[in-house]
Amino acid sequence: MEEPKYRRVLLKLSGESLMGKQGYGIDTDRLNEYASQIKEICSMGVQVAIVIGGGNIFRGVAGAAKGFNRVKGDQMGMLATVINSLALSSALEGVGQPAKVFTALNMYPIGDYYSNRAAIEALNRGEVAIMAGGTGNPFFTTDTGSALRGVEVEADVMLKGTRVDGIYTADPEKDPTATKFDKITYDEVYTRGLKVMDLTATALCKENHLPIVVFDMDTPGNLLKVIKGENIGTLVY
């Protein structure tokens, strides 16, 4: 069997992509597709930690724009990530891949209270560690949450699964002339104002030398290609 390029990864999934074709909530076909892709790389001996967004259920920033108190809106968003994390853990267990949900806020018995020690122990046992609730604080995105968790569990790389196949000079869905980067530095992402992740997350990855690979997670087989070191997506370093 081919040697994986990475031994321990932090996989960041967007809540929106869980909607599939529904436009809201959780599409079970998409969920099961993700679960089988994740199981495939676990069977190669790769340790997988996951942070998932909540935008398919509730987004704090959007709620604040509609008049919600920002702190409460962000707390609602954190709870949305817990719902998605439970759904993903259920799908993983359904395909025979052990998984454990950790929450940034104490929500026992829904999930175990997160600590990096407990998450690393779960990874070493061969369980997928799903870390829900963002950072546990308002005003931080799940991108920042995943950068923080990636650093804490000593991941080799952050894999940011999106709907597009990498980072472009502009939004490829809006600008047909946009060109894709194979690799780009953290600083260039910042100076070009590219909407890869928010600045806090990018700065955290840069300071702690956590590389990011942005790739299209919605194409089955892509996660395996990234793990094998194939040149898909965009590397931020």
Protein backbone atom coordinates (compact mmCIF):
# COMPACT_ATOMS: atom_id res chain seq x y z
CA MET A 1 0.00 0.00 0.00
CA GLU A 2 1.19 3.49 -0.86
CA GLU A 3 2.69 5.49 2.01
CA PRO A 4 0.54 8.48 2.94
CA LYS A 5 2.22 11.88 2.72
CA TYR A 6 0.64 12.98 6.02
CA ARG A 7 0.37 11.03 9.26
CA ARG A 8 -2.03 13.26 11.20
CA VAL A 9 -4.38 15.74 9.54
CA LEU A 10 -6.91 18.35 10.60
CA LEU A 11 -9.78 18.18 8.12
CA LYS A 12 -11.93 21.33 8.00
CA LEU A 13 -15.34 20.77 6.43
CA SER A 14 -17.81 23.50 5.61
CA GLY A 15 -21.32 23.23 6.98
CA GLU A 16 -22.71 24.49 3.65
CA SER A 17 -21.35 21.52 1.75
CA LEU A 18 -23.34 19.17 4.02
CA MET A 19 -26.52 20.65 2.51
CA GLY A 20 -25.77 18.87 -0.77
CA LYS A 21 -28.49 19.79 -3.24
CA GLN A 22 -31.05 20.54 -0.51
CA GLY A 23 -30.20 24.18 0.21
CA TYR A 24 -30.59 23.65 3.95
CA GLY A 25 -29.80 21.13 6.69
CA ILE A 26 -28.00 17.84 6.19
CA ASP A 27 -28.05 15.77 2.99
CA THR A 28 -27.51 12.17 4.15
CA ASP A 29 -26.04 11.13 0.77
CA ARG A 30 -23.35 13.81 1.07
CA LEU A 31 -22.75 12.88 4.72
CA ASN A 32 -22.28 9.19 3.91
CA GLU A 33 -20.01 10.10 0.98
CA TYR A 34 -17.79 12.08 3.36
CA ALA A 35 -17.80 9.24 5.90
CA SER A 36 -16.60 6.67 3.37
CA GLN A 37 -13.84 9.02 2.11
CA ILE A 38 -12.66 9.61 5.69
CA LYS A 39 -12.75 5.90 6.52
CA GLU A 40 -10.65 5.21 3.41
CA ILE A 41 -7.76 7.37 4.63
CA CYS A 42 -8.07 6.09 8.22
CA SER A 43 -7.57 2.56 6.87
CA MET A 44 -4.17 3.74 5.55
CA GLY A 45 -3.14 4.56 9.11
CA VAL A 46 -3.77 8.33 8.83
CA GLN A 47 -5.01 9.98 12.04
CA VAL A 48 -7.93 12.31 11.30
CA ALA A 49 -9.14 15.22 13.42
CA ILE A 50 -12.16 17.11 12.07
CA VAL A 51 -13.69 20.54 12.57
CA ILE A 52 -16.95 21.21 10.78
CA GLY A 53 -18.79 24.50 10.27
CA GLY A 54 -22.46 25.18 10.98
CA GLY A 55 -23.51 27.36 8.05
CA ASN A 56 -26.06 24.81 6.78
CA ILE A 57 -28.06 25.36 10.00
CA PHE A 58 -27.18 28.77 11.42
CA ARG A 59 -24.47 31.35 10.84
CA GLY A 60 -23.80 33.81 13.67
CA VAL A 61 -22.65 36.69 11.44
CA ALA A 62 -25.77 36.39 9.27
CA GLY A 63 -27.92 36.23 12.40
CA ALA A 64 -26.30 39.39 13.77
CA ALA A 65 -27.10 41.16 10.47
CA LYS A 66 -30.76 40.26 11.02
CA GLY A 67 -30.82 41.72 14.52
CA PHE A 68 -29.63 38.86 16.72
CA ASN A 69 -27.25 39.77 19.51
CA ARG A 70 -23.83 38.84 18.06
CA VAL A 71 -22.72 36.82 21.10
CA LYS A 72 -25.96 34.81 21.14
CA GLY A 73 -25.86 34.46 17.36
CA ASP A 74 -22.35 33.00 17.53
CA GLN A 75 -23.41 30.67 20.34
CA MET A 76 -26.26 29.44 18.12
CA GLY A 77 -23.68 28.89 15.37
CA MET A 78 -21.52 26.85 17.78
CA LEU A 79 -24.52 24.63 18.58
CA ALA A 80 -25.08 24.16 14.83
CA THR A 81 -21.53 22.75 14.56
CA VAL A 82 -22.35 20.30 17.36
CA ILE A 83 -25.39 19.02 15.41
CA ASN A 84 -23.23 18.53 12.29
CA SER A 85 -20.50 16.82 14.32
CA LEU A 86 -22.99 14.35 15.84
CA ALA A 87 -24.36 13.61 12.35
CA LEU A 88 -20.87 12.98 10.98
CA SER A 89 -19.86 10.77 13.92
CA SER A 90 -23.02 8.73 13.42
CA ALA A 91 -22.27 8.35 9.68
CA LEU A 92 -18.67 7.29 10.43
CA GLU A 93 -19.78 4.71 12.98
CA GLY A 94 -22.31 3.50 10.39
CA VAL A 95 -19.45 2.60 8.00
CA GLY A 96 -17.44 0.97 10.79
CA GLN A 97 -15.07 3.85 11.58
CA PRO A 98 -14.88 4.69 15.33
CA ALA A 99 -15.30 8.41 16.06
CA LYS A 100 -15.50 10.61 19.13
CA VAL A 101 -17.13 14.03 19.45
CA PHE A 102 -15.44 16.66 21.61
CA THR A 103 -17.14 19.96 22.41
CA ALA A 104 -15.47 23.28 23.23
CA LEU A 105 -18.16 23.92 25.84
CA ASN A 106 -19.03 21.30 28.41
CA MET A 107 -22.01 19.44 26.90
CA TYR A 108 -21.70 16.00 28.46
CA PRO A 109 -23.18 13.49 27.57
CA ILE A 110 -23.59 14.87 24.02
CA GLY A 111 -19.82 14.98 23.60
CA ASP A 112 -16.71 14.86 25.76
CA TYR A 113 -15.31 18.18 26.94
CA TYR A 114 -12.42 19.00 24.60
CA SER A 115 -8.81 18.90 25.68
CA ASN A 116 -5.90 18.44 23.30
CA ARG A 117 -4.64 15.53 25.43
CA ALA A 118 -7.96 13.67 25.17
CA ALA A 119 -8.20 14.35 21.42
CA ILE A 120 -4.64 13.09 20.78
CA GLU A 121 -5.36 9.96 22.85
CA ALA A 122 -8.45 9.30 20.69
CA LEU A 123 -6.39 9.78 17.50
CA ASN A 124 -3.74 7.35 18.79
CA ARG A 125 -6.49 4.77 19.40
CA GLY A 126 -7.53 5.04 15.75
CA GLU A 127 -10.68 7.08 16.41
CA VAL A 128 -11.63 10.10 14.34
CA ALA A 129 -11.65 13.09 16.72
CA ILE A 130 -14.48 15.47 15.76
CA MET A 131 -14.07 18.80 17.55
CA ALA A 132 -17.28 20.81 17.77
CA GLY A 133 -18.29 24.21 19.11
CA GLY A 134 -15.58 26.28 17.43
CA THR A 135 -13.20 27.80 19.97
CA GLY A 136 -16.01 28.02 22.53
CA ASN A 137 -15.94 31.82 22.22
CA PRO A 138 -17.98 34.27 20.14
CA PHE A 139 -16.31 36.42 17.42
CA PHE A 140 -14.15 33.49 16.23
CA THR A 141 -14.96 31.56 13.08
CA THR A 142 -14.74 27.79 12.64
CA ASP A 143 -11.72 28.52 10.39
CA THR A 144 -9.96 29.95 13.44
CA GLY A 145 -11.28 27.03 15.50
CA SER A 146 -9.78 24.55 13.04
CA ALA A 147 -6.43 26.38 12.90
CA LEU A 148 -6.30 26.36 16.70
CA ARG A 149 -7.26 22.67 16.96
CA GLY A 150 -4.83 21.74 14.19
CA VAL A 151 -1.97 23.35 16.10
CA GLU A 152 -3.12 21.85 19.43
CA VAL A 153 -3.29 18.26 18.17
CA GLU A 154 0.03 18.71 16.32
CA ALA A 155 -1.40 17.97 12.86
CA ASP A 156 0.99 17.83 9.90
CA VAL A 157 -1.40 19.83 7.73
CA MET A 158 -4.82 21.46 7.66
CA LEU A 159 -6.96 20.14 4.81
CA LYS A 160 -9.68 22.64 3.97
CA GLY A 161 -12.38 20.82 2.02
CA THR A 162 -14.47 23.27 -0.03
CA ARG A 163 -16.68 23.35 -3.12
CA VAL A 164 -13.88 24.72 -5.33
CA ASP A 165 -10.69 22.91 -6.34
CA GLY A 166 -8.23 25.38 -4.81
CA ILE A 167 -7.39 29.06 -4.42
CA TYR A 168 -7.90 31.39 -7.38
CA THR A 169 -6.89 34.98 -8.15
CA ALA A 170 -10.62 35.80 -7.90
CA ASP A 171 -13.89 33.93 -7.30
CA PRO A 172 -14.00 31.39 -10.18
CA GLU A 173 -17.79 31.20 -9.88
CA LYS A 174 -18.02 34.94 -10.66
CA ASP A 175 -14.90 35.65 -12.74
CA PRO A 176 -14.17 33.32 -15.71
CA THR A 177 -10.64 34.77 -16.08
CA ALA A 178 -9.63 33.71 -12.54
CA THR A 179 -6.54 31.49 -12.46
CA LYS A 180 -5.67 28.84 -9.88
CA PHE A 181 -2.59 28.80 -7.65
CA ASP A 182 -0.75 25.49 -7.17
CA LYS A 183 0.94 26.96 -4.10
CA ILE A 184 0.91 30.34 -2.39
CA THR A 185 2.45 31.80 0.76
CA TYR A 186 0.40 32.89 3.79
CA ASP A 187 1.65 36.46 3.22
CA GLU A 188 0.48 36.48 -0.39
CA VAL A 189 -2.97 35.28 0.66
CA TYR A 190 -3.04 38.23 3.05
CA THR A 191 -1.67 40.92 0.68
CA ARG A 192 -3.90 39.83 -2.18
CA GLY A 193 -6.93 39.86 0.14
CA LEU A 194 -7.94 36.34 -0.93
CA LYS A 195 -10.93 34.97 0.93
CA VAL A 196 -9.35 31.63 1.83
CA MET A 197 -9.85 31.88 5.57
CA ASP A 198 -10.21 34.79 7.93
CA LEU A 199 -7.04 36.65 8.94
CA THR A 200 -6.93 35.26 12.48
CA ALA A 201 -6.89 31.68 11.17
CA THR A 202 -4.27 32.44 8.51
CA ALA A 203 -2.02 34.20 11.04
CA LEU A 204 -2.33 31.30 13.50
CA CYS A 205 -1.32 28.79 10.80
CA LYS A 206 1.60 30.97 9.71
CA GLU A 207 2.95 31.50 13.23
CA ASN A 208 2.81 27.78 13.98
CA HIS A 209 4.02 26.56 10.56
CA LEU A 210 0.81 24.64 9.84
CA PRO A 211 0.49 24.28 6.06
CA ILE A 212 -3.00 24.40 4.51
CA VAL A 213 -4.24 22.48 1.48
CA VAL A 214 -7.44 23.88 -0.03
CA PHE A 215 -9.19 21.31 -2.23
CA ASP A 216 -12.57 20.17 -3.57
CA MET A 217 -13.97 17.71 -1.02
CA ASP A 218 -17.21 17.20 -2.94
CA THR A 219 -15.49 15.09 -5.62
CA PRO A 220 -15.18 11.55 -4.21
CA GLY A 221 -11.58 10.33 -4.20
CA ASN A 222 -10.01 13.78 -3.80
CA LEU A 223 -9.30 13.37 -0.09
CA LEU A 224 -7.31 10.20 -0.84
CA LYS A 225 -5.38 12.02 -3.59
CA VAL A 226 -4.39 14.81 -1.19
CA ILE A 227 -3.25 12.26 1.42
CA LYS A 228 -1.11 10.51 -1.21
CA GLY A 229 0.53 13.85 -2.05
CA GLU A 230 -0.99 14.23 -5.53
CA ASN A 231 -0.91 17.76 -6.84
CA ILE A 232 -4.56 18.74 -6.48
CA GLY A 233 -5.89 21.84 -4.77
CA THR A 234 -3.65 24.66 -3.53
CA LEU A 235 -0.94 24.50 -0.88
CA VAL A 236 -0.63 27.51 1.44
CA TYR A 237 2.76 27.59 3.19
